C-alpha atoms as a PDB file:
ATOM      1  CA  MET A   1     -12.384  23.295  11.534  1.00  0.00           C
ATOM      2  CA  ASP A   2     -11.213  24.270   8.067  1.00  0.00           C
ATOM      3  CA  ASP A   3      -7.566  23.694   9.033  1.00  0.00           C
ATOM      4  CA  LYS A   4      -8.413  20.224  10.347  1.00  0.00           C
ATOM      5  CA  LYS A   5     -10.176  19.318   7.110  1.00  0.00           C
ATOM      6  CA  ARG A   6      -7.298  20.684   5.021  1.00  0.00           C
ATOM      7  CA  SER A   7      -4.792  18.756   7.153  1.00  0.00           C
ATOM      8  CA  ASN A   8      -6.748  15.525   6.731  1.00  0.00           C
ATOM      9  CA  THR A   9      -7.055  16.080   2.980  1.00  0.00           C
ATOM     10  CA  ARG A  10      -3.294  16.532   2.760  1.00  0.00           C
ATOM     11  CA  LEU A  11      -2.762  13.376   4.841  1.00  0.00           C
ATOM     12  CA  ILE A  12      -5.123  11.391   2.606  1.00  0.00           C
ATOM     13  CA  ASN A  13      -3.369  12.580  -0.555  1.00  0.00           C
ATOM     14  CA  ILE A  14       0.094  11.817   0.801  1.00  0.00           C
ATOM     15  CA  SER A  15      -1.074   8.379   1.967  1.00  0.00           C
ATOM     16  CA  TYR A  16      -2.490   7.428  -1.417  1.00  0.00           C
ATOM     17  CA  ILE A  17       0.461   8.758  -3.410  1.00  0.00           C
ATOM     18  CA  GLY A  18       2.977   7.098  -1.078  1.00  0.00           C
ATOM     19  CA  SER A  19       1.048   3.864  -1.244  1.00  0.00           C
ATOM     20  CA  ILE A  20       0.958   3.847  -5.039  1.00  0.00           C
ATOM     21  CA  LEU A  21       4.670   4.634  -5.317  1.00  0.00           C
ATOM     22  CA  ALA A  22       5.547   1.853  -2.851  1.00  0.00           C
ATOM     23  CA  TYR A  23       3.343  -0.539  -4.821  1.00  0.00           C
ATOM     24  CA  ILE A  24       5.048   0.297  -8.133  1.00  0.00           C
ATOM     25  CA  ILE A  25       8.545  -0.047  -6.681  1.00  0.00           C
ATOM     26  CA  GLY A  26       7.619  -3.326  -4.984  1.00  0.00           C
ATOM     27  CA  LEU A  27       6.060  -4.658  -8.176  1.00  0.00           C
ATOM     28  CA  TYR A  28       9.234  -3.825 -10.083  1.00  0.00           C
ATOM     29  CA  PHE A  29      11.342  -5.889  -7.663  1.00  0.00           C
ATOM     30  CA  ILE A  30       8.818  -8.738  -7.640  1.00  0.00           C
ATOM     31  CA  THR A  31       8.970  -8.969 -11.442  1.00  0.00           C
ATOM     32  CA  LEU A  32      12.754  -9.217 -11.161  1.00  0.00           C
ATOM     33  CA  GLY A  33      12.301 -12.180  -8.804  1.00  0.00           C
ATOM     34  CA  TYR A  34      13.195 -10.559  -5.482  1.00  0.00           C
ATOM     35  CA  LEU A  35      10.878 -11.755  -2.722  1.00  0.00           C
ATOM     36  CA  TRP A  36      11.700  -8.765  -0.540  1.00  0.00           C
ATOM     37  CA  GLY A  37       9.680  -6.727  -3.039  1.00  0.00           C
ATOM     38  CA  PHE A  38       6.686  -7.728  -0.906  1.00  0.00           C
ATOM     39  CA  ILE A  39       7.847  -4.982   1.459  1.00  0.00           C
ATOM     40  CA  GLY A  40       6.172  -2.629  -1.038  1.00  0.00           C
ATOM     41  CA  THR A  41       2.812  -3.631   0.428  1.00  0.00           C
ATOM     42  CA  VAL A  42       3.674  -2.615   4.003  1.00  0.00           C
ATOM     43  CA  PRO A  43       3.407   1.191   3.526  1.00  0.00           C
ATOM     44  CA  THR A  44      -0.133   0.728   2.216  1.00  0.00           C
ATOM     45  CA  LEU A  45      -1.161  -1.037   5.408  1.00  0.00           C
ATOM     46  CA  LEU A  46       0.600   1.515   7.609  1.00  0.00           C
ATOM     47  CA  PHE A  47      -0.915   4.469   5.754  1.00  0.00           C
ATOM     48  CA  GLY A  48      -4.365   2.870   5.985  1.00  0.00           C
ATOM     49  CA  LEU A  49      -4.097   2.217   9.713  1.00  0.00           C
ATOM     50  CA  ASN A  50      -2.819   5.764  10.251  1.00  0.00           C
ATOM     51  CA  LEU A  51      -5.819   7.204   8.402  1.00  0.00           C
ATOM     52  CA  ILE A  52      -8.183   5.082  10.486  1.00  0.00           C
ATOM     53  CA  ARG A  53      -6.456   6.281  13.655  1.00  0.00           C
ATOM     54  CA  ASN A  54      -6.839   9.919  12.527  1.00  0.00           C
ATOM     55  CA  GLY A  55     -10.582   9.584  12.017  1.00  0.00           C
ATOM     56  CA  GLU A  56     -10.647   8.993   8.256  1.00  0.00           C
ATOM     57  CA  LYS A  57     -12.026   5.461   8.413  1.00  0.00           C
ATOM     58  CA  ARG A  58     -13.482   5.415   4.913  1.00  0.00           C
ATOM     59  CA  TYR A  59     -10.152   6.195   3.228  1.00  0.00           C
ATOM     60  CA  GLY A  60      -8.152   4.057   5.632  1.00  0.00           C
ATOM     61  CA  ILE A  61     -10.246   0.952   5.048  1.00  0.00           C
ATOM     62  CA  VAL A  62      -9.754   1.332   1.289  1.00  0.00           C
ATOM     63  CA  LEU A  63      -5.980   1.307   1.770  1.00  0.00           C
ATOM     64  CA  VAL A  64      -6.163  -1.714   4.075  1.00  0.00           C
ATOM     65  CA  LEU A  65      -8.175  -3.537   1.397  1.00  0.00           C
ATOM     66  CA  PHE A  66      -5.594  -2.490  -1.226  1.00  0.00           C
ATOM     67  CA  PHE A  67      -2.946  -4.111   0.974  1.00  0.00           C
ATOM     68  CA  PHE A  68      -4.569  -7.517   0.525  1.00  0.00           C
ATOM     69  CA  VAL A  69      -5.285  -6.975  -3.170  1.00  0.00           C
ATOM     70  CA  TRP A  70      -1.694  -5.947  -3.817  1.00  0.00           C
ATOM     71  CA  ILE A  71      -0.345  -9.065  -2.107  1.00  0.00           C
ATOM     72  CA  ILE A  72      -2.434 -11.121  -4.514  1.00  0.00           C
ATOM     73  CA  VAL A  73      -1.213  -9.044  -7.471  1.00  0.00           C
ATOM     74  CA  TYR A  74       2.415  -9.418  -6.372  1.00  0.00           C
ATOM     75  CA  TYR A  75       1.977 -13.160  -6.007  1.00  0.00           C
ATOM     76  CA  SER A  76       0.615 -13.414  -9.538  1.00  0.00           C
ATOM     77  CA  TYR A  77       3.696 -11.609 -10.891  1.00  0.00           C
ATOM     78  CA  LEU A  78       6.211 -13.889  -9.163  1.00  0.00           C
ATOM     79  CA  PRO A  79       8.432 -15.781 -11.587  1.00  0.00           C
ATOM     80  CA  GLY A  80       7.412 -19.450 -11.866  1.00  0.00           C
ATOM     81  CA  ASN A  81       8.022 -21.697  -8.863  1.00  0.00           C
ATOM     82  CA  LEU A  82       9.999 -19.078  -6.932  1.00  0.00           C
ATOM     83  CA  LEU A  83       8.215 -19.899  -3.673  1.00  0.00           C
ATOM     84  CA  ASN A  84       8.372 -23.649  -4.243  1.00  0.00           C
ATOM     85  CA  ASN A  85      12.181 -23.855  -4.240  1.00  0.00           C
END
């Protein structure tokens, strides 16, 4: 049981760190005006769904919620009228 808990803790840590790094890289590209920077939100959703699938629902749901929050944050950082052209 201790190995399972340690494995899940490692998975949670990797998921959160990977999600934050993807967010920062995506935000960098969004601020430069590249729409494909939105891809930086996808790992957060995938990590969250993977945690939910592995029985860590509490941590997975937080990452899924971060996915939606980060889309809103990215949208607010888009250069003016980039989506309207």
